[in-house]
Amino acid sequence: MAKKICIIIMFVFLTDYIHSSDADVTESGIDLSQMISNSGAEDLWRIFQENPDSESSADILITLGIIGKGNRSIIENLNNYLIGRNLLYKSGFNTDYSLVSACILAIMELGDSSSYHALFSAYCAGYPEIITFEAYGALDVIPGNLHQYLLNVLWNNPPEEKLAAFRAGINSTRLGVSERGQIAELALEQALASTEDNINLNVMRYAAVLTLTQLRWTRANALAIRHYYRVQSDFLNGVISKDRFIEAIACLGAVGNSQAALVLGLQLGLINARTKSTGSFDPEITLAIVQALGQIGDNAAFDHLLYVSNLLYPENIQAAAREAIENLKWVR
């Protein structure tokens, strides 16, 4: 039904265009129905270019999305049109949101992976939430290697676009656990590699850690250790909150191996020594470390966990230490 309506719309536009032209249709022998059949999407695009801001422009764009499938010229024209709109909007110019929305819908209908860049630029342009949602929805449904496209953005694009690519990837309904894990791993790697204090990279780093923890993505063990040391330093210097430090500990517990167990075991040993000599310790951080060591299950932490019972820790920490010891793996 939608296709029939759009064909009728195209017919009306072509009729109006021909009737408003100086050409004498009868004398020139032009048959309107034949012109529609032969010209199709190309003529409709030409009409749109001549009157890009008319009341009918949005309808033309939607129609092009239906009749232009497989037409490389139409696909490229719509991609470039959307990219141009995005650049103007980001530069502070007013834009007709209905045209942006219609173009996104048309591109989604065309379903060509060459449109990833145009849609991603719309996703990052700062449009009202509804249009941003439309751009993301189109990006997520168009066939193609979206996973690789987002990885390329994480490698090559500026920080704000890296963050956008990361969010698009981990929220994607079409990407599996493995693909989302790779995206979160690369996001953490890129954020840790940067020497600048960039808010977008910082947000991406902390969000990537939460994602890796949730996915239990063990390939990120070395990155999680690097993140832990950076966060520990920032926490001791009062730069970040305790919650961020506890998140870093939890990530080591979820993705860590024997190396992570050594890192956390050393930290628990220091806490035990301080607790024995001064009676001072942070119960939340101590509990988080004990629980993380239990998750990893490496027996390198045995002595430190066992020593917890000799100190005046509260029962929740004592119970966590006993449970962690039960979870340790021993080679037979």
Protein backbone atom coordinates (compact mmCIF):
# COMPACT_ATOMS: atom_id res chain seq x y z
CA MET A 1 0.00 0.00 0.00
CA ALA A 2 2.79 2.40 0.93
CA LYS A 3 4.50 1.80 -2.40
CA LYS A 4 1.31 2.59 -4.32
CA ILE A 5 0.84 5.82 -2.40
CA CYS A 6 4.43 6.87 -3.09
CA ILE A 7 4.10 6.09 -6.80
CA ILE A 8 1.00 8.27 -6.91
CA ILE A 9 2.91 11.04 -5.15
CA MET A 10 5.69 10.77 -7.73
CA PHE A 11 3.13 10.87 -10.52
CA VAL A 12 1.65 14.10 -9.12
CA PHE A 13 5.04 15.73 -8.77
CA LEU A 14 6.08 14.84 -12.30
CA THR A 15 2.75 16.06 -13.63
CA ASP A 16 3.09 19.39 -11.85
CA TYR A 17 6.66 19.74 -13.05
CA ILE A 18 5.84 19.08 -16.69
CA HIS A 19 2.76 21.28 -16.66
CA SER A 20 4.70 24.15 -15.12
CA SER A 21 7.49 23.90 -17.70
CA ASP A 22 7.65 25.78 -20.96
CA ALA A 23 7.59 22.55 -22.96
CA ASP A 24 4.52 21.77 -25.02
CA VAL A 25 3.85 18.16 -24.04
CA THR A 26 1.41 17.51 -26.89
CA GLU A 27 3.53 19.01 -29.63
CA SER A 28 6.75 17.40 -28.43
CA GLY A 29 5.06 14.00 -28.37
CA ILE A 30 6.11 13.32 -24.74
CA ASP A 31 3.94 10.70 -23.08
CA LEU A 32 3.69 11.32 -19.33
CA SER A 33 3.36 7.69 -18.33
CA GLN A 34 6.35 6.77 -20.45
CA MET A 35 8.35 9.56 -18.89
CA ILE A 36 7.54 8.26 -15.43
CA SER A 37 8.54 4.76 -16.45
CA ASN A 38 11.82 5.81 -18.04
CA SER A 39 12.91 8.61 -15.76
CA GLY A 40 11.81 7.32 -12.37
CA ALA A 41 14.01 8.16 -9.44
CA GLU A 42 16.50 10.27 -11.41
CA ASP A 43 13.83 12.78 -12.49
CA LEU A 44 12.33 12.84 -9.03
CA TRP A 45 15.72 13.65 -7.54
CA ARG A 46 16.13 16.45 -10.09
CA ILE A 47 12.77 17.90 -9.07
CA PHE A 48 13.85 17.75 -5.42
CA GLN A 49 17.07 19.60 -6.21
CA GLU A 50 15.17 22.38 -7.96
CA ASN A 51 12.83 22.86 -4.99
CA PRO A 52 14.61 21.38 -1.96
CA ASP A 53 12.60 23.31 0.60
CA SER A 54 9.10 22.93 -0.81
CA GLU A 55 6.19 21.50 1.18
CA SER A 56 6.50 18.30 -0.83
CA SER A 57 10.23 17.78 -0.30
CA ALA A 58 9.89 15.33 2.59
CA ASP A 59 7.44 13.21 0.57
CA ILE A 60 9.84 13.18 -2.37
CA LEU A 61 12.68 11.94 -0.16
CA ILE A 62 10.55 9.14 1.25
CA THR A 63 9.46 8.18 -2.26
CA LEU A 64 13.06 8.07 -3.42
CA GLY A 65 13.79 5.62 -0.64
CA ILE A 66 11.24 3.22 -2.09
CA ILE A 67 11.82 3.55 -5.83
CA GLY A 68 15.58 4.09 -5.68
CA LYS A 69 16.65 0.71 -4.32
CA GLY A 70 19.82 -0.46 -6.01
CA ASN A 71 20.29 2.89 -7.77
CA ARG A 72 23.83 3.89 -6.83
CA SER A 73 23.32 7.47 -7.92
CA ILE A 74 20.25 7.94 -5.74
CA ILE A 75 21.90 6.26 -2.76
CA GLU A 76 24.96 8.49 -3.10
CA ASN A 77 22.84 11.61 -3.54
CA LEU A 78 20.79 10.92 -0.42
CA ASN A 79 23.92 10.10 1.59
CA ASN A 80 25.58 13.34 0.54
CA TYR A 81 22.42 15.33 1.19
CA LEU A 82 22.18 14.01 4.75
CA ILE A 83 25.88 14.59 5.40
CA GLY A 84 25.50 18.16 4.18
CA ARG A 85 22.51 18.75 6.45
CA ASN A 86 24.43 17.35 9.38
CA LEU A 87 27.42 19.61 8.77
CA LEU A 88 25.21 22.68 8.49
CA TYR A 89 23.39 21.83 11.69
CA LYS A 90 26.64 21.25 13.60
CA SER A 91 27.86 24.61 12.31
CA GLY A 92 24.91 26.36 13.92
CA PHE A 93 22.56 26.76 10.96
CA ASN A 94 18.86 26.12 11.30
CA THR A 95 17.53 23.05 9.55
CA ASP A 96 14.18 21.55 8.68
CA TYR A 97 13.95 18.53 10.94
CA SER A 98 11.24 16.99 8.79
CA LEU A 99 13.64 16.80 5.84
CA VAL A 100 16.38 15.24 7.97
CA SER A 101 13.93 12.70 9.33
CA ALA A 102 12.58 11.92 5.86
CA CYS A 103 16.07 11.45 4.46
CA ILE A 104 16.97 9.06 7.29
CA LEU A 105 13.81 7.08 6.58
CA ALA A 106 14.63 6.99 2.86
CA ILE A 107 18.17 5.81 3.50
CA MET A 108 16.91 3.13 5.85
CA GLU A 109 14.49 1.97 3.16
CA LEU A 110 17.29 1.85 0.58
CA GLY A 111 19.23 -0.38 2.99
CA ASP A 112 22.74 0.10 1.64
CA SER A 113 25.79 -0.17 3.92
CA SER A 114 27.46 2.76 2.14
CA SER A 115 25.06 4.89 4.19
CA TYR A 116 26.71 4.03 7.52
CA HIS A 117 28.81 7.20 7.49
CA ALA A 118 25.88 9.49 6.70
CA LEU A 119 23.72 7.93 9.40
CA PHE A 120 26.53 7.95 11.96
CA SER A 121 27.20 11.63 11.29
CA ALA A 122 23.49 12.30 11.91
CA TYR A 123 23.71 10.25 15.11
CA CYS A 124 26.59 12.47 16.28
CA ALA A 125 25.24 15.80 15.03
CA GLY A 126 23.37 16.73 18.19
CA TYR A 127 19.88 16.71 16.71
CA PRO A 128 16.82 16.48 18.97
CA GLU A 129 16.49 13.10 20.63
CA ILE A 130 13.86 11.74 18.26
CA ILE A 131 16.05 12.31 15.18
CA THR A 132 19.12 10.92 16.93
CA PHE A 133 17.05 7.85 17.76
CA GLU A 134 15.93 7.55 14.13
CA ALA A 135 19.51 7.77 12.89
CA TYR A 136 20.66 5.10 15.33
CA GLY A 137 17.72 2.87 14.45
CA ALA A 138 18.54 3.09 10.74
CA LEU A 139 22.22 2.46 11.42
CA ASP A 140 21.36 -0.64 13.42
CA VAL A 141 19.07 -2.26 10.83
CA ILE A 142 20.85 -1.63 7.53
CA PRO A 143 22.63 -4.82 6.39
CA GLY A 144 26.41 -4.77 6.35
CA ASN A 145 29.39 -5.06 8.66
CA LEU A 146 28.33 -2.54 11.30
CA HIS A 147 30.73 -4.10 13.78
CA GLN A 148 33.78 -3.35 11.61
CA TYR A 149 32.52 0.14 10.81
CA LEU A 150 32.28 0.99 14.52
CA LEU A 151 35.72 -0.48 15.21
CA ASN A 152 37.15 1.76 12.46
CA VAL A 153 35.52 4.80 14.07
CA LEU A 154 37.04 3.85 17.42
CA TRP A 155 40.46 3.59 15.80
CA ASN A 156 40.40 6.72 13.66
CA ASN A 157 37.84 9.32 14.70
CA PRO A 158 37.95 12.14 17.27
CA PRO A 159 37.02 11.45 20.92
CA GLU A 160 33.37 12.50 20.75
CA GLU A 161 32.79 10.15 17.80
CA LYS A 162 34.69 7.34 19.51
CA LEU A 163 32.28 7.63 22.43
CA ALA A 164 29.30 7.66 20.07
CA ALA A 165 30.57 4.56 18.26
CA PHE A 166 31.11 2.77 21.55
CA ARG A 167 27.58 3.54 22.69
CA ALA A 168 26.13 2.54 19.34
CA GLY A 169 27.97 -0.77 19.51
CA ILE A 170 27.15 -1.86 23.04
CA ASN A 171 23.49 -0.87 22.62
CA SER A 172 23.11 -2.59 19.27
CA THR A 173 20.42 -5.24 19.00
CA ARG A 174 22.20 -6.98 16.13
CA LEU A 175 25.69 -7.36 17.57
CA GLY A 176 26.47 -10.45 19.62
CA VAL A 177 28.39 -10.73 22.88
CA SER A 178 31.70 -11.30 21.09
CA GLU A 179 31.29 -8.24 18.88
CA ARG A 180 30.23 -6.02 21.79
CA GLY A 181 33.14 -7.33 23.84
CA GLN A 182 35.59 -6.40 21.09
CA ILE A 183 34.09 -2.91 20.86
CA ALA A 184 34.32 -2.38 24.63
CA GLU A 185 37.88 -3.73 24.68
CA LEU A 186 39.01 -1.38 21.91
CA ALA A 187 37.20 1.53 23.57
CA LEU A 188 39.12 0.93 26.80
CA GLU A 189 42.39 0.54 24.89
CA GLN A 190 41.87 3.81 23.02
CA ALA A 191 40.94 5.70 26.18
CA LEU A 192 43.97 4.39 28.08
CA ALA A 193 46.30 5.17 25.17
CA SER A 194 45.35 8.84 25.12
CA THR A 195 47.56 11.33 26.92
CA GLU A 196 44.95 14.08 26.95
CA ASP A 197 42.40 14.64 29.69
CA ASN A 198 39.34 14.45 27.47
CA ILE A 199 35.88 14.16 29.01
CA ASN A 200 34.57 11.97 26.18
CA LEU A 201 37.44 9.51 26.54
CA ASN A 202 37.05 9.45 30.32
CA VAL A 203 33.34 8.71 30.03
CA MET A 204 34.07 6.02 27.45
CA ARG A 205 36.76 4.45 29.65
CA TYR A 206 34.52 4.08 32.69
CA ALA A 207 31.59 2.87 30.57
CA ALA A 208 33.78 0.34 28.78
CA VAL A 209 34.93 -1.05 32.14
CA LEU A 210 31.31 -1.59 33.20
CA THR A 211 30.55 -3.33 29.90
CA LEU A 212 33.61 -5.58 30.13
CA THR A 213 32.63 -6.47 33.69
CA GLN A 214 29.12 -7.36 32.63
CA LEU A 215 30.34 -9.45 29.69
CA ARG A 216 33.18 -11.02 31.72
CA TRP A 217 35.41 -10.32 28.74
CA THR A 218 38.65 -12.03 29.83
CA ARG A 219 40.59 -10.85 26.77
CA ALA A 220 40.72 -7.43 28.41
CA ASN A 221 42.68 -8.62 31.48
CA ALA A 222 45.83 -6.59 30.74
CA LEU A 223 43.80 -3.47 29.95
CA ALA A 224 41.77 -3.91 33.13
CA ILE A 225 44.99 -3.99 35.17
CA ARG A 226 46.23 -0.79 33.50
CA HIS A 227 42.91 0.86 34.20
CA TYR A 228 43.03 -0.32 37.82
CA TYR A 229 46.42 1.28 38.45
CA ARG A 230 45.36 4.55 36.86
CA VAL A 231 42.14 4.69 38.83
CA GLN A 232 43.93 3.78 42.04
CA SER A 233 46.30 6.69 41.55
CA ASP A 234 43.45 9.06 40.73
CA PHE A 235 41.51 7.91 43.79
CA LEU A 236 44.47 8.35 46.15
CA ASN A 237 44.97 11.86 44.71
CA GLY A 238 41.32 12.73 45.22
CA VAL A 239 40.60 13.06 41.51
CA ILE A 240 37.81 10.48 41.29
CA SER A 241 35.22 8.95 43.60
CA LYS A 242 35.52 5.70 45.51
CA ASP A 243 32.82 4.21 43.28
CA ARG A 244 35.13 4.39 40.26
CA PHE A 245 37.85 2.57 42.17
CA ILE A 246 35.42 -0.16 43.26
CA GLU A 247 34.28 -0.52 39.63
CA ALA A 248 37.90 -1.06 38.59
CA ILE A 249 38.30 -3.73 41.28
CA ALA A 250 35.09 -5.45 40.15
CA CYS A 251 36.34 -5.45 36.56
CA LEU A 252 39.52 -7.27 37.61
CA GLY A 253 37.36 -9.80 39.40
CA ALA A 254 35.21 -10.37 36.32
CA VAL A 255 37.88 -10.47 33.60
CA GLY A 256 41.10 -11.10 35.49
CA ASN A 257 43.50 -14.04 35.52
CA SER A 258 46.46 -14.91 37.73
CA GLN A 259 48.08 -11.53 37.01
CA ALA A 260 45.02 -9.72 38.28
CA ALA A 261 44.98 -12.00 41.33
CA LEU A 262 48.56 -10.98 42.12
CA VAL A 263 47.65 -7.30 41.81
CA LEU A 264 44.63 -7.58 44.09
CA GLY A 265 46.36 -10.01 46.44
CA LEU A 266 49.17 -7.51 46.97
CA GLN A 267 46.63 -4.80 47.69
CA LEU A 268 44.81 -7.01 50.20
CA GLY A 269 48.15 -7.80 51.84
CA LEU A 270 48.81 -4.07 52.29
CA ILE A 271 45.33 -3.53 53.69
CA ASN A 272 45.78 -6.43 56.11
CA ALA A 273 49.12 -5.02 57.30
CA ARG A 274 47.63 -1.56 57.83
CA THR A 275 44.61 -3.00 59.60
CA LYS A 276 46.82 -5.00 61.94
CA SER A 277 48.98 -2.02 62.86
CA THR A 278 46.40 0.77 62.97
CA GLY A 279 42.98 -0.86 62.85
CA SER A 280 42.15 1.46 59.95
CA PHE A 281 40.69 0.17 56.68
CA ASP A 282 38.01 1.04 54.15
CA PRO A 283 35.30 -1.63 54.48
CA GLU A 284 33.86 -1.12 50.98
CA ILE A 285 37.18 -1.33 49.17
CA THR A 286 38.33 -4.26 51.30
CA LEU A 287 35.13 -6.19 50.64
CA ALA A 288 35.34 -5.45 46.89
CA ILE A 289 38.92 -6.80 46.74
CA VAL A 290 38.06 -9.95 48.67
CA GLN A 291 35.04 -10.63 46.45
CA ALA A 292 37.07 -10.00 43.28
CA LEU A 293 39.74 -12.46 44.42
CA GLY A 294 37.02 -15.02 44.99
CA GLN A 295 35.73 -14.48 41.47
CA ILE A 296 39.17 -14.95 39.94
CA GLY A 297 39.77 -18.06 42.03
CA ASP A 298 43.55 -18.07 41.73
CA ASN A 299 45.27 -19.74 44.69
CA ALA A 300 48.03 -17.10 44.69
CA ALA A 301 45.70 -15.08 46.91
CA PHE A 302 45.26 -17.86 49.50
CA ASP A 303 47.59 -16.49 52.19
CA HIS A 304 46.14 -13.00 52.05
CA LEU A 305 42.58 -14.29 52.16
CA LEU A 306 43.33 -16.67 55.01
CA TYR A 307 44.93 -13.89 57.07
CA VAL A 308 41.65 -11.96 57.00
CA SER A 309 40.33 -14.30 59.72
CA ASN A 310 43.09 -13.16 62.07
CA LEU A 311 42.00 -9.52 61.93
CA LEU A 312 39.07 -7.57 63.33
CA TYR A 313 37.20 -7.19 60.08
CA PRO A 314 33.37 -7.15 60.19
CA GLU A 315 31.47 -10.38 59.52
CA ASN A 316 30.57 -9.53 55.90
CA ILE A 317 34.27 -9.29 55.00
CA GLN A 318 35.08 -12.43 57.00
CA ALA A 319 32.30 -14.34 55.23
CA ALA A 320 33.44 -13.08 51.82
CA ALA A 321 37.00 -14.21 52.56
CA ARG A 322 35.82 -17.70 53.55
CA GLU A 323 33.73 -17.95 50.39
CA ALA A 324 36.66 -16.72 48.28
CA ILE A 325 38.92 -19.41 49.75
CA GLU A 326 36.33 -22.04 48.86
CA ASN A 327 36.35 -20.78 45.26
CA LEU A 328 40.15 -21.03 44.83
CA LYS A 329 41.30 -23.46 42.19
CA TRP A 330 44.09 -25.89 43.07
CA VAL A 331 46.15 -27.80 40.55
CA ARG A 332 46.12 -31.56 41.21
